């Protein structure tokens, strides 16, 4: 989705991209951020060797995760009965 968005609206590439997540989104946000970072690194490495691509680096700036559910087995053990 993000690649399609930035290909349709390239003017937004000069703006910072933020990801904010709360509660159960703590299960998804870290994986999304990891994927964006890995793809950005792969694009940068390919560019060093002269390869070009239709994909663009996502201008990821900040990740905010509040009151997240990241490890239910660990977190629920601290909830009183």
C-alpha atoms as a PDB file:
ATOM      1  CA  UNK A   1       0.000   0.000   0.000  1.00  0.00           C
ATOM      2  CA  UNK A   2       2.711   2.497   0.935  1.00  0.00           C
ATOM      3  CA  UNK A   3       4.636   1.959  -2.285  1.00  0.00           C
ATOM      4  CA  UNK A   4       1.465   2.535  -4.299  1.00  0.00           C
ATOM      5  CA  UNK A   5       0.611   5.624  -2.255  1.00  0.00           C
ATOM      6  CA  UNK A   6       4.045   7.170  -2.795  1.00  0.00           C
ATOM      7  CA  UNK A   7       4.033   6.336  -6.497  1.00  0.00           C
ATOM      8  CA  UNK A   8       0.702   8.157  -6.866  1.00  0.00           C
ATOM      9  CA  UNK A   9       1.661  11.061  -4.591  1.00  0.00           C
ATOM     10  CA  UNK A  10       5.455  11.508  -4.832  1.00  0.00           C
ATOM     11  CA  UNK A  11       5.223  14.996  -3.357  1.00  0.00           C
ATOM     12  CA  UNK A  12       4.736  13.347   0.054  1.00  0.00           C
ATOM     13  CA  UNK A  13       8.163  11.685  -0.101  1.00  0.00           C
ATOM     14  CA  UNK A  14       9.728  14.877   1.209  1.00  0.00           C
ATOM     15  CA  UNK A  15       7.618  14.659   4.385  1.00  0.00           C
ATOM     16  CA  UNK A  16       8.409  12.473   7.380  1.00  0.00           C
ATOM     17  CA  UNK A  17       6.384   9.274   7.853  1.00  0.00           C
ATOM     18  CA  UNK A  18       5.174   8.415  11.352  1.00  0.00           C
ATOM     19  CA  UNK A  19       3.694   5.187  12.677  1.00  0.00           C
ATOM     20  CA  UNK A  20       1.632   5.307  15.869  1.00  0.00           C
ATOM     21  CA  UNK A  21       0.096   2.254  17.484  1.00  0.00           C
ATOM     22  CA  UNK A  22      -1.768   1.488  20.661  1.00  0.00           C
ATOM     23  CA  UNK A  23      -2.905  -1.643  22.444  1.00  0.00           C
ATOM     24  CA  UNK A  24      -3.151  -4.693  20.160  1.00  0.00           C
ATOM     25  CA  UNK A  25      -1.455  -2.795  17.339  1.00  0.00           C
ATOM     26  CA  UNK A  26       1.709  -3.501  19.326  1.00  0.00           C
ATOM     27  CA  UNK A  27       1.523  -6.907  17.637  1.00  0.00           C
ATOM     28  CA  UNK A  28       1.653  -5.377  14.150  1.00  0.00           C
ATOM     29  CA  UNK A  29       3.536  -2.076  14.283  1.00  0.00           C
ATOM     30  CA  UNK A  30       6.997  -3.521  15.057  1.00  0.00           C
ATOM     31  CA  UNK A  31       6.701  -5.920  12.117  1.00  0.00           C
ATOM     32  CA  UNK A  32       5.586  -3.162   9.755  1.00  0.00           C
ATOM     33  CA  UNK A  33       8.448  -0.928  10.885  1.00  0.00           C
ATOM     34  CA  UNK A  34      10.932  -3.774  10.507  1.00  0.00           C
ATOM     35  CA  UNK A  35       9.758  -4.451   6.963  1.00  0.00           C
ATOM     36  CA  UNK A  36       9.993  -0.775   5.997  1.00  0.00           C
ATOM     37  CA  UNK A  37      13.512  -0.526   7.424  1.00  0.00           C
ATOM     38  CA  UNK A  38      14.685  -3.709   5.678  1.00  0.00           C
ATOM     39  CA  UNK A  39      13.265  -2.564   2.340  1.00  0.00           C
ATOM     40  CA  UNK A  40      14.851   0.872   2.732  1.00  0.00           C
ATOM     41  CA  UNK A  41      18.218  -0.756   3.484  1.00  0.00           C
ATOM     42  CA  UNK A  42      17.884  -3.068   0.471  1.00  0.00           C
ATOM     43  CA  UNK A  43      17.087  -0.108  -1.790  1.00  0.00           C
ATOM     44  CA  UNK A  44      20.093   1.820  -0.487  1.00  0.00           C
ATOM     45  CA  UNK A  45      22.381  -1.175  -1.002  1.00  0.00           C
ATOM     46  CA  UNK A  46      21.063  -1.754  -4.536  1.00  0.00           C
ATOM     47  CA  UNK A  47      21.613   1.924  -5.356  1.00  0.00           C
ATOM     48  CA  UNK A  48      25.261   1.613  -4.265  1.00  0.00           C
ATOM     49  CA  UNK A  49      25.745  -1.007  -6.962  1.00  0.00           C
ATOM     50  CA  UNK A  50      23.953   1.037  -9.600  1.00  0.00           C
ATOM     51  CA  UNK A  51      20.657  -0.847  -9.600  1.00  0.00           C
ATOM     52  CA  UNK A  52      17.463   1.155  -9.941  1.00  0.00           C
ATOM     53  CA  UNK A  53      13.955   0.233  -8.917  1.00  0.00           C
ATOM     54  CA  UNK A  54      10.406   1.492  -9.212  1.00  0.00           C
ATOM     55  CA  UNK A  55      10.074   1.274  -5.443  1.00  0.00           C
ATOM     56  CA  UNK A  56      11.044   4.182  -3.222  1.00  0.00           C
ATOM     57  CA  UNK A  57      12.439   4.442   0.271  1.00  0.00           C
ATOM     58  CA  UNK A  58       9.678   5.193   2.762  1.00  0.00           C
ATOM     59  CA  UNK A  59      10.698   8.306   4.756  1.00  0.00           C
ATOM     60  CA  UNK A  60      10.114   6.620   8.128  1.00  0.00           C
ATOM     61  CA  UNK A  61      10.894   9.051  10.910  1.00  0.00           C
ATOM     62  CA  UNK A  62       9.191   8.041  14.142  1.00  0.00           C
ATOM     63  CA  UNK A  63       7.499   5.025  15.683  1.00  0.00           C
ATOM     64  CA  UNK A  64       5.211   5.471  18.675  1.00  0.00           C
ATOM     65  CA  UNK A  65       3.774   2.478  20.506  1.00  0.00           C
ATOM     66  CA  UNK A  66       1.682   3.140  23.604  1.00  0.00           C
ATOM     67  CA  UNK A  67       0.263   0.686  26.114  1.00  0.00           C
ATOM     68  CA  UNK A  68       0.981  -2.071  23.644  1.00  0.00           C
ATOM     69  CA  UNK A  69       0.254  -5.755  23.775  1.00  0.00           C
ATOM     70  CA  UNK A  70       3.519  -7.273  22.615  1.00  0.00           C
ATOM     71  CA  UNK A  71       3.810 -10.517  24.580  1.00  0.00           C
ATOM     72  CA  UNK A  72       0.455 -11.636  26.072  1.00  0.00           C
ATOM     73  CA  UNK A  73       1.880 -14.545  28.103  1.00  0.00           C
ATOM     74  CA  UNK A  74       4.372 -12.258  29.793  1.00  0.00           C
ATOM     75  CA  UNK A  75       2.093  -9.229  30.177  1.00  0.00           C
ATOM     76  CA  UNK A  76      -1.042 -11.002  31.436  1.00  0.00           C
ATOM     77  CA  UNK A  77       0.931 -12.590  34.268  1.00  0.00           C
ATOM     78  CA  UNK A  78       1.122  -9.136  35.877  1.00  0.00           C
ATOM     79  CA  UNK A  79      -2.648  -8.526  35.757  1.00  0.00           C
ATOM     80  CA  UNK A  80      -4.325  -9.075  39.152  1.00  0.00           C
ATOM     81  CA  UNK A  81      -7.133 -11.627  39.364  1.00  0.00           C
END
